[in-house]
Amino acid sequence: MTEMPEAAQAPTGELGGLVAIVTGGASGIGAATAALLADRGASVAVLDVDPDAAEARHLALRCDVTDDASVRSAVTEVADRLGGIDIVVNNAGIGAQGTVEDNDDAEWQRVLDVNLLGVVRVSRAALPHLRRSRAAAIVNTCSIAATAGLPARALYGASKGAILSLTLAMAADHIREGIRVNCVNPGTADTPWIGRLLDRAADPAAERTALEARQPHGRLVAAGEVAAAVAYLASPSAGSTTGTSLAVDGGMQGLRLRPEG
């Protein structure tokens, strides 16, 4: 746990006066998102199983999204210490590889517990606070795996497909309470999880080239690019945007390019 720096207690900017929670906010896309929201004026709380890795300017709390008591305790502490909750970024997640044959029941339960039920637990705990906000927004981190069939991603794709459907259902349920719900769908992003995947590959350079080549713009998505999409969806400037999935994938979802040459 960290103390909020004095400078972060009176923020100014586009998100000035708003309080944001970012789960999984100590690394990768979550860290980039937490940093950008803070840069734009929000007071940011990072909920993570390893909060010590979070930036010092954030309120960093240890939280396990698979444990409802841990989630409720962390969300309550954020609201108490920062004066409410306006933005929830459900970013915590884990990866999985394999076809439908390759992962046993325990692995399915583990991944769904983090990726899907983690979103449920955090959103459920935050809703009473969001209802009191003047600019409430939930942004879920989904994936290109929810909208495109990727090889050896059956479990991961199922978890993210569920988040896409959950996002739409939540948007319908809470629009009349003034709570917007959207998601971002990153393509293959340059994150620590992808780094570990590449490290395990027989030929890391060739695997990276293959991952880059399947995205039309020819490279991995930067964490900061996903963070920018999250910040837009979280902002009051997007007040008429809800029930939307925003692809940040270099065109992977929608483009079908002809081969070069």
C-alpha atoms as a PDB file:
ATOM      1  CA  MET A   1       0.000   0.000   0.000  1.00  0.00           C
ATOM      2  CA  THR A   2       1.248   3.520  -0.753  1.00  0.00           C
ATOM      3  CA  GLU A   3       0.237   6.984   0.373  1.00  0.00           C
ATOM      4  CA  MET A   4      -1.142   9.295  -2.305  1.00  0.00           C
ATOM      5  CA  PRO A   5       1.353  12.053  -3.173  1.00  0.00           C
ATOM      6  CA  GLU A   6       0.082  15.541  -2.376  1.00  0.00           C
ATOM      7  CA  ALA A   7       0.238  16.527  -6.066  1.00  0.00           C
ATOM      8  CA  ALA A   8      -2.203  13.756  -6.943  1.00  0.00           C
ATOM      9  CA  GLN A   9      -4.797  14.893  -4.415  1.00  0.00           C
ATOM     10  CA  ALA A  10      -5.824  18.050  -6.311  1.00  0.00           C
ATOM     11  CA  PRO A  11      -5.607  17.062  -9.985  1.00  0.00           C
ATOM     12  CA  THR A  12      -6.366  19.311 -12.926  1.00  0.00           C
ATOM     13  CA  GLY A  13      -6.965  18.454 -16.572  1.00  0.00           C
ATOM     14  CA  GLU A  14      -9.585  16.679 -18.633  1.00  0.00           C
ATOM     15  CA  LEU A  15     -10.178  14.111 -15.877  1.00  0.00           C
ATOM     16  CA  GLY A  16      -9.554  16.505 -13.013  1.00  0.00           C
ATOM     17  CA  GLY A  17     -11.608  15.708  -9.935  1.00  0.00           C
ATOM     18  CA  LEU A  18     -12.360  12.154 -11.060  1.00  0.00           C
ATOM     19  CA  VAL A  19     -11.200   8.989  -9.315  1.00  0.00           C
ATOM     20  CA  ALA A  20     -10.191   5.971 -11.396  1.00  0.00           C
ATOM     21  CA  ILE A  21      -9.542   2.362 -10.480  1.00  0.00           C
ATOM     22  CA  VAL A  22      -7.291   0.322 -12.788  1.00  0.00           C
ATOM     23  CA  THR A  23      -7.049  -3.398 -12.051  1.00  0.00           C
ATOM     24  CA  GLY A  24      -3.834  -5.065 -13.127  1.00  0.00           C
ATOM     25  CA  GLY A  25      -2.466  -1.538 -13.230  1.00  0.00           C
ATOM     26  CA  ALA A  26       1.120  -2.254 -12.188  1.00  0.00           C
ATOM     27  CA  SER A  27       2.375  -3.513 -15.554  1.00  0.00           C
ATOM     28  CA  GLY A  28       1.695  -3.627 -19.286  1.00  0.00           C
ATOM     29  CA  ILE A  29      -1.506  -2.081 -20.614  1.00  0.00           C
ATOM     30  CA  GLY A  30      -2.733  -1.437 -17.077  1.00  0.00           C
ATOM     31  CA  ALA A  31       0.363   0.563 -16.121  1.00  0.00           C
ATOM     32  CA  ALA A  32       0.179   2.600 -19.337  1.00  0.00           C
ATOM     33  CA  THR A  33      -3.510   3.276 -18.685  1.00  0.00           C
ATOM     34  CA  ALA A  34      -2.985   4.279 -15.061  1.00  0.00           C
ATOM     35  CA  ALA A  35      -0.210   6.665 -16.127  1.00  0.00           C
ATOM     36  CA  LEU A  36      -2.286   8.300 -18.865  1.00  0.00           C
ATOM     37  CA  LEU A  37      -5.357   8.742 -16.666  1.00  0.00           C
ATOM     38  CA  ALA A  38      -3.169  10.384 -14.033  1.00  0.00           C
ATOM     39  CA  ASP A  39      -1.528  12.594 -16.660  1.00  0.00           C
ATOM     40  CA  ARG A  40      -5.009  13.777 -17.632  1.00  0.00           C
ATOM     41  CA  GLY A  41      -5.865  14.706 -14.086  1.00  0.00           C
ATOM     42  CA  ALA A  42      -7.507  11.673 -12.491  1.00  0.00           C
ATOM     43  CA  SER A  43      -6.626  10.395  -9.047  1.00  0.00           C
ATOM     44  CA  VAL A  44      -5.697   6.799  -9.820  1.00  0.00           C
ATOM     45  CA  ALA A  45      -5.868   3.693  -7.659  1.00  0.00           C
ATOM     46  CA  VAL A  46      -4.032   0.643  -8.930  1.00  0.00           C
ATOM     47  CA  LEU A  47      -5.422  -2.696  -7.741  1.00  0.00           C
ATOM     48  CA  ASP A  48      -2.937  -5.469  -8.383  1.00  0.00           C
ATOM     49  CA  VAL A  49      -1.580  -8.671  -6.888  1.00  0.00           C
ATOM     50  CA  ASP A  50       1.824  -6.942  -7.024  1.00  0.00           C
ATOM     51  CA  PRO A  51       1.060  -3.307  -6.153  1.00  0.00           C
ATOM     52  CA  ASP A  52       4.675  -2.540  -5.272  1.00  0.00           C
ATOM     53  CA  ALA A  53       5.425  -2.335  -9.009  1.00  0.00           C
ATOM     54  CA  ALA A  54       2.952   0.538  -9.512  1.00  0.00           C
ATOM     55  CA  GLU A  55       4.036   4.142 -10.006  1.00  0.00           C
ATOM     56  CA  ALA A  56       4.591   6.023  -6.757  1.00  0.00           C
ATOM     57  CA  ARG A  57       2.037   8.709  -7.672  1.00  0.00           C
ATOM     58  CA  HIS A  58      -0.838   6.191  -7.616  1.00  0.00           C
ATOM     59  CA  LEU A  59      -2.675   4.761  -4.637  1.00  0.00           C
ATOM     60  CA  ALA A  60      -1.522   1.140  -4.939  1.00  0.00           C
ATOM     61  CA  LEU A  61      -3.494  -1.574  -3.162  1.00  0.00           C
ATOM     62  CA  ARG A  62      -3.016  -5.309  -3.094  1.00  0.00           C
ATOM     63  CA  CYS A  63      -6.092  -6.964  -4.607  1.00  0.00           C
ATOM     64  CA  ASP A  64      -6.850 -10.439  -5.904  1.00  0.00           C
ATOM     65  CA  VAL A  65      -9.750 -10.211  -8.367  1.00  0.00           C
ATOM     66  CA  THR A  66     -10.560 -13.899  -7.773  1.00  0.00           C
ATOM     67  CA  ASP A  67     -11.376 -13.143  -4.105  1.00  0.00           C
ATOM     68  CA  ASP A  68     -14.599 -11.203  -3.550  1.00  0.00           C
ATOM     69  CA  ALA A  69     -13.587 -10.114  -0.044  1.00  0.00           C
ATOM     70  CA  SER A  70     -10.271  -8.770  -1.355  1.00  0.00           C
ATOM     71  CA  VAL A  71     -12.071  -6.871  -4.120  1.00  0.00           C
ATOM     72  CA  ARG A  72     -14.690  -5.338  -1.831  1.00  0.00           C
ATOM     73  CA  SER A  73     -12.088  -4.296   0.707  1.00  0.00           C
ATOM     74  CA  ALA A  74      -9.901  -2.628  -1.925  1.00  0.00           C
ATOM     75  CA  VAL A  75     -12.808  -0.849  -3.637  1.00  0.00           C
ATOM     76  CA  THR A  76     -14.110   0.450  -0.307  1.00  0.00           C
ATOM     77  CA  GLU A  77     -10.644   1.716   0.628  1.00  0.00           C
ATOM     78  CA  VAL A  78     -10.325   3.553  -2.690  1.00  0.00           C
ATOM     79  CA  ALA A  79     -13.686   5.265  -2.210  1.00  0.00           C
ATOM     80  CA  ASP A  80     -12.906   6.183   1.383  1.00  0.00           C
ATOM     81  CA  ARG A  81      -9.412   7.542   0.738  1.00  0.00           C
ATOM     82  CA  LEU A  82     -10.004   9.275  -2.589  1.00  0.00           C
ATOM     83  CA  GLY A  83     -13.557  10.464  -2.061  1.00  0.00           C
ATOM     84  CA  GLY A  84     -15.528   8.196  -4.376  1.00  0.00           C
ATOM     85  CA  ILE A  85     -15.127   6.287  -7.635  1.00  0.00           C
ATOM     86  CA  ASP A  86     -15.913   7.613 -11.120  1.00  0.00           C
ATOM     87  CA  ILE A  87     -14.004   5.342 -13.508  1.00  0.00           C
ATOM     88  CA  VAL A  88     -13.346   1.607 -13.372  1.00  0.00           C
ATOM     89  CA  VAL A  89     -10.902   0.031 -15.812  1.00  0.00           C
ATOM     90  CA  ASN A  90     -11.231  -3.750 -15.612  1.00  0.00           C
ATOM     91  CA  ASN A  91      -7.854  -4.672 -17.037  1.00  0.00           C
ATOM     92  CA  ALA A  92      -6.595  -7.538 -14.857  1.00  0.00           C
ATOM     93  CA  GLY A  93      -6.252 -10.705 -16.900  1.00  0.00           C
ATOM     94  CA  ILE A  94      -4.123 -13.723 -17.682  1.00  0.00           C
ATOM     95  CA  GLY A  95      -3.328 -15.527 -20.912  1.00  0.00           C
ATOM     96  CA  ALA A  96      -3.856 -19.091 -22.039  1.00  0.00           C
ATOM     97  CA  GLN A  97      -2.678 -21.127 -24.998  1.00  0.00           C
ATOM     98  CA  GLY A  98      -4.091 -24.252 -26.580  1.00  0.00           C
ATOM     99  CA  THR A  99      -7.022 -25.755 -28.430  1.00  0.00           C
ATOM    100  CA  VAL A 100     -10.194 -26.847 -26.677  1.00  0.00           C
ATOM    101  CA  GLU A 101      -8.457 -30.189 -25.992  1.00  0.00           C
ATOM    102  CA  ASP A 102      -5.353 -28.758 -24.383  1.00  0.00           C
ATOM    103  CA  ASN A 103      -6.597 -27.100 -21.184  1.00  0.00           C
ATOM    104  CA  ASP A 104      -8.120 -29.126 -18.360  1.00  0.00           C
ATOM    105  CA  ASP A 105     -11.094 -28.052 -16.254  1.00  0.00           C
ATOM    106  CA  ALA A 106      -8.876 -26.497 -13.594  1.00  0.00           C
ATOM    107  CA  GLU A 107      -7.211 -24.237 -16.159  1.00  0.00           C
ATOM    108  CA  TRP A 108     -10.555 -23.213 -17.635  1.00  0.00           C
ATOM    109  CA  GLN A 109     -11.801 -22.331 -14.162  1.00  0.00           C
ATOM    110  CA  ARG A 110      -8.614 -20.415 -13.319  1.00  0.00           C
ATOM    111  CA  VAL A 111      -8.652 -18.261 -16.465  1.00  0.00           C
ATOM    112  CA  LEU A 112     -12.383 -17.567 -16.357  1.00  0.00           C
ATOM    113  CA  ASP A 113     -12.111 -16.730 -12.650  1.00  0.00           C
ATOM    114  CA  VAL A 114      -9.576 -13.983 -13.398  1.00  0.00           C
ATOM    115  CA  ASN A 115     -10.590 -12.739 -16.831  1.00  0.00           C
ATOM    116  CA  LEU A 116     -14.376 -12.868 -16.565  1.00  0.00           C
ATOM    117  CA  LEU A 117     -15.423 -13.153 -12.927  1.00  0.00           C
ATOM    118  CA  GLY A 118     -12.770 -10.612 -11.973  1.00  0.00           C
ATOM    119  CA  VAL A 119     -14.648  -8.060 -14.088  1.00  0.00           C
ATOM    120  CA  VAL A 120     -17.896  -9.084 -12.410  1.00  0.00           C
ATOM    121  CA  ARG A 121     -16.517  -8.776  -8.874  1.00  0.00           C
ATOM    122  CA  VAL A 122     -14.856  -5.388  -9.354  1.00  0.00           C
ATOM    123  CA  SER A 123     -17.808  -3.888 -11.238  1.00  0.00           C
ATOM    124  CA  ARG A 124     -20.282  -5.219  -8.685  1.00  0.00           C
ATOM    125  CA  ALA A 125     -18.322  -3.721  -5.797  1.00  0.00           C
ATOM    126  CA  ALA A 126     -17.886  -0.375  -7.565  1.00  0.00           C
ATOM    127  CA  LEU A 127     -21.462   0.126  -8.778  1.00  0.00           C
ATOM    128  CA  PRO A 128     -22.806   1.763  -5.579  1.00  0.00           C
ATOM    129  CA  HIS A 129     -20.036   4.366  -5.845  1.00  0.00           C
ATOM    130  CA  LEU A 130     -20.416   4.835  -9.598  1.00  0.00           C
ATOM    131  CA  ARG A 131     -24.112   5.594  -9.140  1.00  0.00           C
ATOM    132  CA  ARG A 132     -23.097   8.661  -7.135  1.00  0.00           C
ATOM    133  CA  SER A 133     -20.683   9.916  -9.798  1.00  0.00           C
ATOM    134  CA  ARG A 134     -21.368  12.764 -12.210  1.00  0.00           C
ATOM    135  CA  ALA A 135     -19.310  11.030 -14.933  1.00  0.00           C
ATOM    136  CA  ALA A 136     -19.389   7.275 -14.323  1.00  0.00           C
ATOM    137  CA  ALA A 137     -17.655   4.946 -16.767  1.00  0.00           C
ATOM    138  CA  ILE A 138     -16.537   1.328 -16.863  1.00  0.00           C
ATOM    139  CA  VAL A 139     -14.017   0.230 -19.477  1.00  0.00           C
ATOM    140  CA  ASN A 140     -13.244  -3.483 -19.854  1.00  0.00           C
ATOM    141  CA  THR A 141     -10.112  -4.799 -21.540  1.00  0.00           C
ATOM    142  CA  CYS A 142     -11.331  -7.295 -24.119  1.00  0.00           C
ATOM    143  CA  SER A 143      -9.292  -8.637 -27.076  1.00  0.00           C
ATOM    144  CA  ILE A 144      -9.161  -9.295 -30.795  1.00  0.00           C
ATOM    145  CA  ALA A 145      -9.597 -12.909 -29.650  1.00  0.00           C
ATOM    146  CA  ALA A 146     -13.250 -12.060 -28.935  1.00  0.00           C
ATOM    147  CA  THR A 147     -13.977 -11.131 -32.560  1.00  0.00           C
ATOM    148  CA  ALA A 148     -11.519 -13.226 -34.605  1.00  0.00           C
ATOM    149  CA  GLY A 149     -10.738 -16.917 -34.444  1.00  0.00           C
ATOM    150  CA  LEU A 150      -7.076 -17.199 -33.440  1.00  0.00           C
ATOM    151  CA  PRO A 151      -5.282 -20.561 -33.442  1.00  0.00           C
ATOM    152  CA  ALA A 152      -4.498 -22.104 -30.058  1.00  0.00           C
ATOM    153  CA  ARG A 153      -6.487 -19.510 -28.125  1.00  0.00           C
ATOM    154  CA  ALA A 154      -9.724 -21.411 -27.369  1.00  0.00           C
ATOM    155  CA  LEU A 155      -9.819 -20.730 -23.634  1.00  0.00           C
ATOM    156  CA  TYR A 156      -8.489 -17.193 -23.863  1.00  0.00           C
ATOM    157  CA  GLY A 157     -10.865 -16.353 -26.705  1.00  0.00           C
ATOM    158  CA  ALA A 158     -13.824 -17.755 -24.770  1.00  0.00           C
ATOM    159  CA  SER A 159     -12.979 -15.610 -21.749  1.00  0.00           C
ATOM    160  CA  LYS A 160     -12.690 -12.474 -23.846  1.00  0.00           C
ATOM    161  CA  GLY A 161     -15.800 -13.273 -25.883  1.00  0.00           C
ATOM    162  CA  ALA A 162     -17.677 -13.427 -22.599  1.00  0.00           C
ATOM    163  CA  ILE A 163     -16.314  -9.989 -21.665  1.00  0.00           C
ATOM    164  CA  LEU A 164     -17.605  -8.566 -24.953  1.00  0.00           C
ATOM    165  CA  SER A 165     -21.098  -9.906 -24.270  1.00  0.00           C
ATOM    166  CA  LEU A 166     -20.932  -8.821 -20.634  1.00  0.00           C
ATOM    167  CA  THR A 167     -19.975  -5.308 -21.699  1.00  0.00           C
ATOM    168  CA  LEU A 168     -23.078  -5.004 -23.878  1.00  0.00           C
ATOM    169  CA  ALA A 169     -25.348  -6.400 -21.157  1.00  0.00           C
ATOM    170  CA  MET A 170     -23.909  -4.080 -18.510  1.00  0.00           C
ATOM    171  CA  ALA A 171     -24.254  -1.079 -20.826  1.00  0.00           C
ATOM    172  CA  ALA A 172     -27.959  -1.853 -21.240  1.00  0.00           C
ATOM    173  CA  ASP A 173     -28.479  -2.476 -17.533  1.00  0.00           C
ATOM    174  CA  HIS A 174     -26.833   0.705 -16.280  1.00  0.00           C
ATOM    175  CA  ILE A 175     -27.348   3.375 -18.948  1.00  0.00           C
ATOM    176  CA  ARG A 176     -30.340   4.853 -17.104  1.00  0.00           C
ATOM    177  CA  GLU A 177     -28.226   5.124 -13.977  1.00  0.00           C
ATOM    178  CA  GLY A 178     -25.785   7.333 -15.871  1.00  0.00           C
ATOM    179  CA  ILE A 179     -23.080   4.658 -16.047  1.00  0.00           C
ATOM    180  CA  ARG A 180     -21.451   4.074 -19.422  1.00  0.00           C
ATOM    181  CA  VAL A 181     -19.872   0.670 -20.140  1.00  0.00           C
ATOM    182  CA  ASN A 182     -17.512   0.021 -23.052  1.00  0.00           C
ATOM    183  CA  CYS A 183     -14.557  -2.194 -23.900  1.00  0.00           C
ATOM    184  CA  VAL A 184     -11.336  -2.003 -25.865  1.00  0.00           C
ATOM    185  CA  ASN A 185     -10.247  -4.857 -28.121  1.00  0.00           C
ATOM    186  CA  PRO A 186      -6.452  -4.801 -28.473  1.00  0.00           C
ATOM    187  CA  GLY A 187      -4.676  -6.806 -31.103  1.00  0.00           C
ATOM    188  CA  THR A 188      -1.487  -8.591 -30.082  1.00  0.00           C
ATOM    189  CA  ALA A 189       0.106  -6.045 -27.770  1.00  0.00           C
ATOM    190  CA  ASP A 190       3.721  -5.668 -26.739  1.00  0.00           C
ATOM    191  CA  THR A 191       3.190  -6.642 -23.103  1.00  0.00           C
ATOM    192  CA  PRO A 192       5.085  -8.718 -20.519  1.00  0.00           C
ATOM    193  CA  TRP A 193       2.818 -11.722 -21.229  1.00  0.00           C
ATOM    194  CA  ILE A 194       3.714 -11.672 -24.923  1.00  0.00           C
ATOM    195  CA  GLY A 195       7.352 -11.254 -23.920  1.00  0.00           C
ATOM    196  CA  ARG A 196       7.169 -14.423 -21.836  1.00  0.00           C
ATOM    197  CA  LEU A 197       5.425 -16.248 -24.679  1.00  0.00           C
ATOM    198  CA  LEU A 198       8.214 -15.246 -27.053  1.00  0.00           C
ATOM    199  CA  ASP A 199      10.882 -16.295 -24.549  1.00  0.00           C
ATOM    200  CA  ARG A 200       9.390 -19.817 -24.512  1.00  0.00           C
ATOM    201  CA  ALA A 201       9.261 -20.110 -28.299  1.00  0.00           C
ATOM    202  CA  ALA A 202      11.758 -22.329 -30.112  1.00  0.00           C
ATOM    203  CA  ASP A 203      12.689 -19.346 -32.297  1.00  0.00           C
ATOM    204  CA  PRO A 204      11.659 -16.112 -30.521  1.00  0.00           C
ATOM    205  CA  ALA A 205      12.614 -13.868 -33.449  1.00  0.00           C
ATOM    206  CA  ALA A 206      10.581 -15.916 -35.925  1.00  0.00           C
ATOM    207  CA  GLU A 207       7.607 -16.043 -33.536  1.00  0.00           C
ATOM    208  CA  ARG A 208       7.688 -12.275 -33.086  1.00  0.00           C
ATOM    209  CA  THR A 209       7.839 -11.793 -36.856  1.00  0.00           C
ATOM    210  CA  ALA A 210       4.800 -14.062 -37.264  1.00  0.00           C
ATOM    211  CA  LEU A 211       2.833 -12.153 -34.626  1.00  0.00           C
ATOM    212  CA  GLU A 212       3.690  -8.837 -36.249  1.00  0.00           C
ATOM    213  CA  ALA A 213       2.847 -10.078 -39.735  1.00  0.00           C
ATOM    214  CA  ARG A 214      -0.713 -11.115 -38.877  1.00  0.00           C
ATOM    215  CA  GLN A 215      -1.596  -7.505 -37.997  1.00  0.00           C
ATOM    216  CA  PRO A 216      -2.193  -5.374 -41.104  1.00  0.00           C
ATOM    217  CA  HIS A 217      -0.008  -2.514 -39.896  1.00  0.00           C
ATOM    218  CA  GLY A 218       2.845  -4.970 -39.469  1.00  0.00           C
ATOM    219  CA  ARG A 219       3.791  -4.562 -35.821  1.00  0.00           C
ATOM    220  CA  LEU A 220       2.647  -5.293 -32.292  1.00  0.00           C
ATOM    221  CA  VAL A 221       0.230  -2.862 -30.675  1.00  0.00           C
ATOM    222  CA  ALA A 222       1.859  -0.525 -28.133  1.00  0.00           C
ATOM    223  CA  ALA A 223       0.454  -0.499 -24.610  1.00  0.00           C
ATOM    224  CA  GLY A 224       0.177   3.285 -24.815  1.00  0.00           C
ATOM    225  CA  GLU A 225      -2.077   3.017 -27.862  1.00  0.00           C
ATOM    226  CA  VAL A 226      -4.518   0.855 -25.912  1.00  0.00           C
ATOM    227  CA  ALA A 227      -4.293   3.236 -22.963  1.00  0.00           C
ATOM    228  CA  ALA A 228      -5.275   6.143 -25.226  1.00  0.00           C
ATOM    229  CA  ALA A 229      -8.417   4.284 -26.295  1.00  0.00           C
ATOM    230  CA  VAL A 230      -9.287   3.501 -22.685  1.00  0.00           C
ATOM    231  CA  ALA A 231      -8.776   7.131 -21.684  1.00  0.00           C
ATOM    232  CA  TYR A 232     -11.132   8.270 -24.440  1.00  0.00           C
ATOM    233  CA  LEU A 233     -13.867   5.834 -23.393  1.00  0.00           C
ATOM    234  CA  ALA A 234     -13.408   6.796 -19.736  1.00  0.00           C
ATOM    235  CA  SER A 235     -13.599  10.527 -20.405  1.00  0.00           C
ATOM    236  CA  PRO A 236     -16.733  12.659 -20.061  1.00  0.00           C
ATOM    237  CA  SER A 237     -15.953  13.697 -23.656  1.00  0.00           C
ATOM    238  CA  ALA A 238     -17.295  10.268 -24.656  1.00  0.00           C
ATOM    239  CA  GLY A 239     -20.568  10.893 -22.854  1.00  0.00           C
ATOM    240  CA  SER A 240     -22.675   9.502 -25.713  1.00  0.00           C
ATOM    241  CA  THR A 241     -20.533   6.397 -26.189  1.00  0.00           C
ATOM    242  CA  THR A 242     -21.729   3.257 -24.434  1.00  0.00           C
ATOM    243  CA  GLY A 243     -22.095  -0.394 -25.374  1.00  0.00           C
ATOM    244  CA  THR A 244     -19.162  -0.021 -27.770  1.00  0.00           C
ATOM    245  CA  SER A 245     -16.118  -2.189 -28.440  1.00  0.00           C
ATOM    246  CA  LEU A 246     -13.192  -0.151 -29.750  1.00  0.00           C
ATOM    247  CA  ALA A 247     -10.640  -2.136 -31.731  1.00  0.00           C
ATOM    248  CA  VAL A 248      -6.990  -1.163 -31.262  1.00  0.00           C
ATOM    249  CA  ASP A 249      -5.498  -3.813 -33.490  1.00  0.00           C
ATOM    250  CA  GLY A 250      -3.843  -2.235 -36.505  1.00  0.00           C
ATOM    251  CA  GLY A 251      -6.818  -3.243 -38.640  1.00  0.00           C
ATOM    252  CA  MET A 252      -6.724  -6.944 -37.770  1.00  0.00           C
ATOM    253  CA  GLN A 253     -10.438  -7.194 -37.055  1.00  0.00           C
ATOM    254  CA  GLY A 254     -11.777  -5.487 -40.151  1.00  0.00           C
ATOM    255  CA  LEU A 255      -9.171  -5.318 -42.914  1.00  0.00           C
ATOM    256  CA  ARG A 256      -8.416  -7.952 -45.548  1.00  0.00           C
ATOM    257  CA  LEU A 257      -5.351  -6.814 -47.448  1.00  0.00           C
ATOM    258  CA  ARG A 258      -4.140  -8.299 -50.722  1.00  0.00           C
ATOM    259  CA  PRO A 259      -0.647  -9.808 -50.615  1.00  0.00           C
ATOM    260  CA  GLU A 260       2.108  -7.381 -51.530  1.00  0.00           C
ATOM    261  CA  GLY A 261       3.823  -7.669 -54.876  1.00  0.00           C
END
